[in-house]
Amino acid sequence: MSETGAINFKPVEDALKNLREALQIKNPSKLERDGTVQRFEYSYELVWKLASRILKENEVNAEVPKSVFRELGRLAWIDNVETWIDFQKSRNETSHEYGETLAQKSYQLADKFLPIAEKLIVILRQKSS
């Protein structure tokens, strides 16, 4: 939060911009793919934490990812809670184990994540006081 108390969207917007740039690389090398997965991971983290803060502004307490997504779904701020939980699972898997199959799966999820996350950011801006 800034001194005025307003939530700062810039870090998450910058992260999503970086992810978008990485996803534009056609036929990425393994190194580029892995960098894109890393960008997905930190973008995901910033999005759910931002959502948690905005839920709190709206007097909804949710402090872990699954509860954040369930509350977002209950409020109809997101369409599919299970999709967000899949993003969470992928993020958790890649931080504990990393192999070729998992890297490819996470890269594909990053591509799916970006437009859904951008849509959520628009909603969160509307709901932020």
C-alpha atoms as a PDB file:
ATOM      1  CA  MET A   1       0.000   0.000   0.000  1.00  0.00           C
ATOM      2  CA  SER A   2       1.100   3.522  -0.617  1.00  0.00           C
ATOM      3  CA  GLU A   3       0.969   6.407   1.852  1.00  0.00           C
ATOM      4  CA  THR A   4      -2.545   7.283   0.668  1.00  0.00           C
ATOM      5  CA  GLY A   5      -3.731   3.773   1.502  1.00  0.00           C
ATOM      6  CA  ALA A   6      -4.509   2.952  -2.124  1.00  0.00           C
ATOM      7  CA  ILE A   7      -3.429  -0.429  -3.364  1.00  0.00           C
ATOM      8  CA  ASN A   8      -0.532  -0.332  -5.808  1.00  0.00           C
ATOM      9  CA  PHE A   9      -1.378  -2.299  -8.959  1.00  0.00           C
ATOM     10  CA  LYS A  10       1.930  -1.514 -10.686  1.00  0.00           C
ATOM     11  CA  PRO A  11       3.917  -4.583  -9.493  1.00  0.00           C
ATOM     12  CA  VAL A  12       1.270  -7.028 -10.720  1.00  0.00           C
ATOM     13  CA  GLU A  13       0.757  -5.109 -13.964  1.00  0.00           C
ATOM     14  CA  ASP A  14       4.519  -5.125 -14.592  1.00  0.00           C
ATOM     15  CA  ALA A  15       4.700  -8.851 -13.842  1.00  0.00           C
ATOM     16  CA  LEU A  16       1.860  -9.608 -16.264  1.00  0.00           C
ATOM     17  CA  LYS A  17       3.512  -7.422 -18.910  1.00  0.00           C
ATOM     18  CA  ASN A  18       6.752  -9.404 -18.467  1.00  0.00           C
ATOM     19  CA  LEU A  19       4.832 -12.675 -18.743  1.00  0.00           C
ATOM     20  CA  ARG A  20       3.087 -11.451 -21.905  1.00  0.00           C
ATOM     21  CA  GLU A  21       6.475 -10.575 -23.448  1.00  0.00           C
ATOM     22  CA  ALA A  22       7.880 -14.002 -22.595  1.00  0.00           C
ATOM     23  CA  LEU A  23       4.863 -15.788 -24.057  1.00  0.00           C
ATOM     24  CA  GLN A  24       5.320 -13.958 -27.358  1.00  0.00           C
ATOM     25  CA  ILE A  25       8.552 -15.855 -28.043  1.00  0.00           C
ATOM     26  CA  LYS A  26       7.820 -18.397 -30.760  1.00  0.00           C
ATOM     27  CA  ASN A  27       9.440 -21.814 -30.272  1.00  0.00           C
ATOM     28  CA  PRO A  28      11.187 -20.893 -27.012  1.00  0.00           C
ATOM     29  CA  SER A  29      14.374 -22.640 -25.999  1.00  0.00           C
ATOM     30  CA  LYS A  30      14.298 -24.607 -22.748  1.00  0.00           C
ATOM     31  CA  LEU A  31      15.915 -21.642 -21.008  1.00  0.00           C
ATOM     32  CA  GLU A  32      13.296 -19.220 -22.385  1.00  0.00           C
ATOM     33  CA  ARG A  33      10.515 -21.642 -21.481  1.00  0.00           C
ATOM     34  CA  ASP A  34      11.832 -22.004 -17.950  1.00  0.00           C
ATOM     35  CA  GLY A  35      12.090 -18.221 -17.624  1.00  0.00           C
ATOM     36  CA  THR A  36       8.488 -17.925 -18.774  1.00  0.00           C
ATOM     37  CA  VAL A  37       7.426 -20.463 -16.151  1.00  0.00           C
ATOM     38  CA  GLN A  38       9.255 -18.399 -13.517  1.00  0.00           C
ATOM     39  CA  ARG A  39       7.390 -15.297 -14.690  1.00  0.00           C
ATOM     40  CA  PHE A  40       4.133 -17.234 -14.415  1.00  0.00           C
ATOM     41  CA  GLU A  41       4.997 -18.244 -10.856  1.00  0.00           C
ATOM     42  CA  TYR A  42       5.703 -14.733  -9.592  1.00  0.00           C
ATOM     43  CA  SER A  43       2.790 -13.245 -11.536  1.00  0.00           C
ATOM     44  CA  TYR A  44       0.483 -15.799  -9.977  1.00  0.00           C
ATOM     45  CA  GLU A  45       1.808 -14.967  -6.493  1.00  0.00           C
ATOM     46  CA  LEU A  46       1.288 -11.245  -6.998  1.00  0.00           C
ATOM     47  CA  VAL A  47      -2.240 -11.742  -8.366  1.00  0.00           C
ATOM     48  CA  TRP A  48      -3.555 -13.873  -5.518  1.00  0.00           C
ATOM     49  CA  LYS A  49      -1.960 -11.642  -2.871  1.00  0.00           C
ATOM     50  CA  LEU A  50      -3.454  -8.541  -4.494  1.00  0.00           C
ATOM     51  CA  ALA A  51      -6.834 -10.261  -4.637  1.00  0.00           C
ATOM     52  CA  SER A  52      -6.533 -11.114  -0.942  1.00  0.00           C
ATOM     53  CA  ARG A  53      -5.873  -7.447  -0.059  1.00  0.00           C
ATOM     54  CA  ILE A  54      -8.813  -6.242  -2.125  1.00  0.00           C
ATOM     55  CA  LEU A  55     -11.094  -8.867  -0.609  1.00  0.00           C
ATOM     56  CA  LYS A  56     -10.004  -7.587   2.809  1.00  0.00           C
ATOM     57  CA  GLU A  57     -10.888  -4.022   1.712  1.00  0.00           C
ATOM     58  CA  ASN A  58     -14.317  -5.434   0.905  1.00  0.00           C
ATOM     59  CA  GLU A  59     -14.557  -7.035   4.372  1.00  0.00           C
ATOM     60  CA  VAL A  60     -13.901 -10.582   3.164  1.00  0.00           C
ATOM     61  CA  ASN A  61     -11.147 -12.412   5.000  1.00  0.00           C
ATOM     62  CA  ALA A  62      -9.172 -14.846   2.825  1.00  0.00           C
ATOM     63  CA  GLU A  63      -5.468 -15.237   3.444  1.00  0.00           C
ATOM     64  CA  VAL A  64      -4.430 -18.384   1.556  1.00  0.00           C
ATOM     65  CA  PRO A  65      -4.799 -18.987  -2.176  1.00  0.00           C
ATOM     66  CA  LYS A  66      -7.596 -21.580  -2.088  1.00  0.00           C
ATOM     67  CA  SER A  67      -9.752 -19.469   0.201  1.00  0.00           C
ATOM     68  CA  VAL A  68      -9.033 -16.369  -1.916  1.00  0.00           C
ATOM     69  CA  PHE A  69     -10.224 -18.153  -5.051  1.00  0.00           C
ATOM     70  CA  ARG A  70     -13.267 -19.624  -3.349  1.00  0.00           C
ATOM     71  CA  GLU A  71     -14.266 -16.164  -2.141  1.00  0.00           C
ATOM     72  CA  LEU A  72     -13.624 -14.641  -5.578  1.00  0.00           C
ATOM     73  CA  GLY A  73     -15.875 -17.318  -7.054  1.00  0.00           C
ATOM     74  CA  ARG A  74     -18.555 -16.819  -4.404  1.00  0.00           C
ATOM     75  CA  LEU A  75     -18.582 -13.115  -5.222  1.00  0.00           C
ATOM     76  CA  ALA A  76     -18.656 -13.905  -8.980  1.00  0.00           C
ATOM     77  CA  TRP A  77     -15.408 -11.975  -9.520  1.00  0.00           C
ATOM     78  CA  ILE A  78     -13.976 -15.049 -11.273  1.00  0.00           C
ATOM     79  CA  ASP A  79     -15.751 -17.598 -13.425  1.00  0.00           C
ATOM     80  CA  ASN A  80     -13.972 -20.832 -12.567  1.00  0.00           C
ATOM     81  CA  VAL A  81     -12.471 -21.470  -9.142  1.00  0.00           C
ATOM     82  CA  GLU A  82     -11.030 -24.821 -10.275  1.00  0.00           C
ATOM     83  CA  THR A  83      -8.971 -23.140 -12.997  1.00  0.00           C
ATOM     84  CA  TRP A  84      -7.332 -20.925 -10.370  1.00  0.00           C
ATOM     85  CA  ILE A  85      -6.737 -23.927  -8.119  1.00  0.00           C
ATOM     86  CA  ASP A  86      -5.035 -25.636 -11.101  1.00  0.00           C
ATOM     87  CA  PHE A  87      -2.753 -22.599 -11.386  1.00  0.00           C
ATOM     88  CA  GLN A  88      -1.986 -22.957  -7.670  1.00  0.00           C
ATOM     89  CA  LYS A  89      -1.192 -26.662  -8.040  1.00  0.00           C
ATOM     90  CA  SER A  90       1.134 -25.990 -10.956  1.00  0.00           C
ATOM     91  CA  ARG A  91       2.886 -23.211  -9.074  1.00  0.00           C
ATOM     92  CA  ASN A  92       3.386 -25.507  -6.077  1.00  0.00           C
ATOM     93  CA  GLU A  93       4.611 -28.411  -8.210  1.00  0.00           C
ATOM     94  CA  THR A  94       7.202 -26.349 -10.063  1.00  0.00           C
ATOM     95  CA  SER A  95       8.613 -24.948  -6.843  1.00  0.00           C
ATOM     96  CA  HIS A  96       9.197 -28.471  -5.428  1.00  0.00           C
ATOM     97  CA  GLU A  97      10.004 -30.622  -8.442  1.00  0.00           C
ATOM     98  CA  TYR A  98      11.033 -29.725 -11.945  1.00  0.00           C
ATOM     99  CA  GLY A  99      11.138 -31.993 -14.963  1.00  0.00           C
ATOM    100  CA  GLU A 100      10.530 -31.734 -18.692  1.00  0.00           C
ATOM    101  CA  THR A 101       6.863 -32.818 -18.571  1.00  0.00           C
ATOM    102  CA  LEU A 102       6.065 -30.491 -15.686  1.00  0.00           C
ATOM    103  CA  ALA A 103       7.894 -27.616 -17.397  1.00  0.00           C
ATOM    104  CA  GLN A 104       5.834 -28.064 -20.569  1.00  0.00           C
ATOM    105  CA  LYS A 105       2.590 -28.289 -18.585  1.00  0.00           C
ATOM    106  CA  SER A 106       3.439 -25.167 -16.593  1.00  0.00           C
ATOM    107  CA  TYR A 107       4.339 -23.273 -19.765  1.00  0.00           C
ATOM    108  CA  GLN A 108       0.939 -24.140 -21.259  1.00  0.00           C
ATOM    109  CA  LEU A 109      -0.788 -23.066 -18.045  1.00  0.00           C
ATOM    110  CA  ALA A 110       1.101 -19.760 -18.132  1.00  0.00           C
ATOM    111  CA  ASP A 111      -0.398 -19.090 -21.551  1.00  0.00           C
ATOM    112  CA  LYS A 112      -3.875 -19.905 -20.212  1.00  0.00           C
ATOM    113  CA  PHE A 113      -3.263 -17.867 -17.034  1.00  0.00           C
ATOM    114  CA  LEU A 114      -2.379 -14.549 -18.667  1.00  0.00           C
ATOM    115  CA  PRO A 115      -5.776 -13.516 -20.137  1.00  0.00           C
ATOM    116  CA  ILE A 116      -7.644 -14.818 -17.091  1.00  0.00           C
ATOM    117  CA  ALA A 117      -5.349 -12.877 -14.742  1.00  0.00           C
ATOM    118  CA  GLU A 118      -5.674  -9.709 -16.821  1.00  0.00           C
ATOM    119  CA  LYS A 119      -9.464 -10.020 -16.648  1.00  0.00           C
ATOM    120  CA  LEU A 120      -9.290 -10.418 -12.857  1.00  0.00           C
ATOM    121  CA  ILE A 121      -7.074  -7.332 -12.516  1.00  0.00           C
ATOM    122  CA  VAL A 122      -9.748  -5.252 -14.268  1.00  0.00           C
ATOM    123  CA  ILE A 123     -12.345  -6.525 -11.779  1.00  0.00           C
ATOM    124  CA  LEU A 124     -10.045  -5.956  -8.806  1.00  0.00           C
ATOM    125  CA  ARG A 125      -9.486  -2.355  -9.904  1.00  0.00           C
ATOM    126  CA  GLN A 126     -13.257  -1.857  -9.962  1.00  0.00           C
ATOM    127  CA  LYS A 127     -13.642  -3.382  -6.487  1.00  0.00           C
ATOM    128  CA  SER A 128     -10.720  -1.515  -4.910  1.00  0.00           C
ATOM    129  CA  SER A 129     -11.686   1.499  -2.860  1.00  0.00           C
END
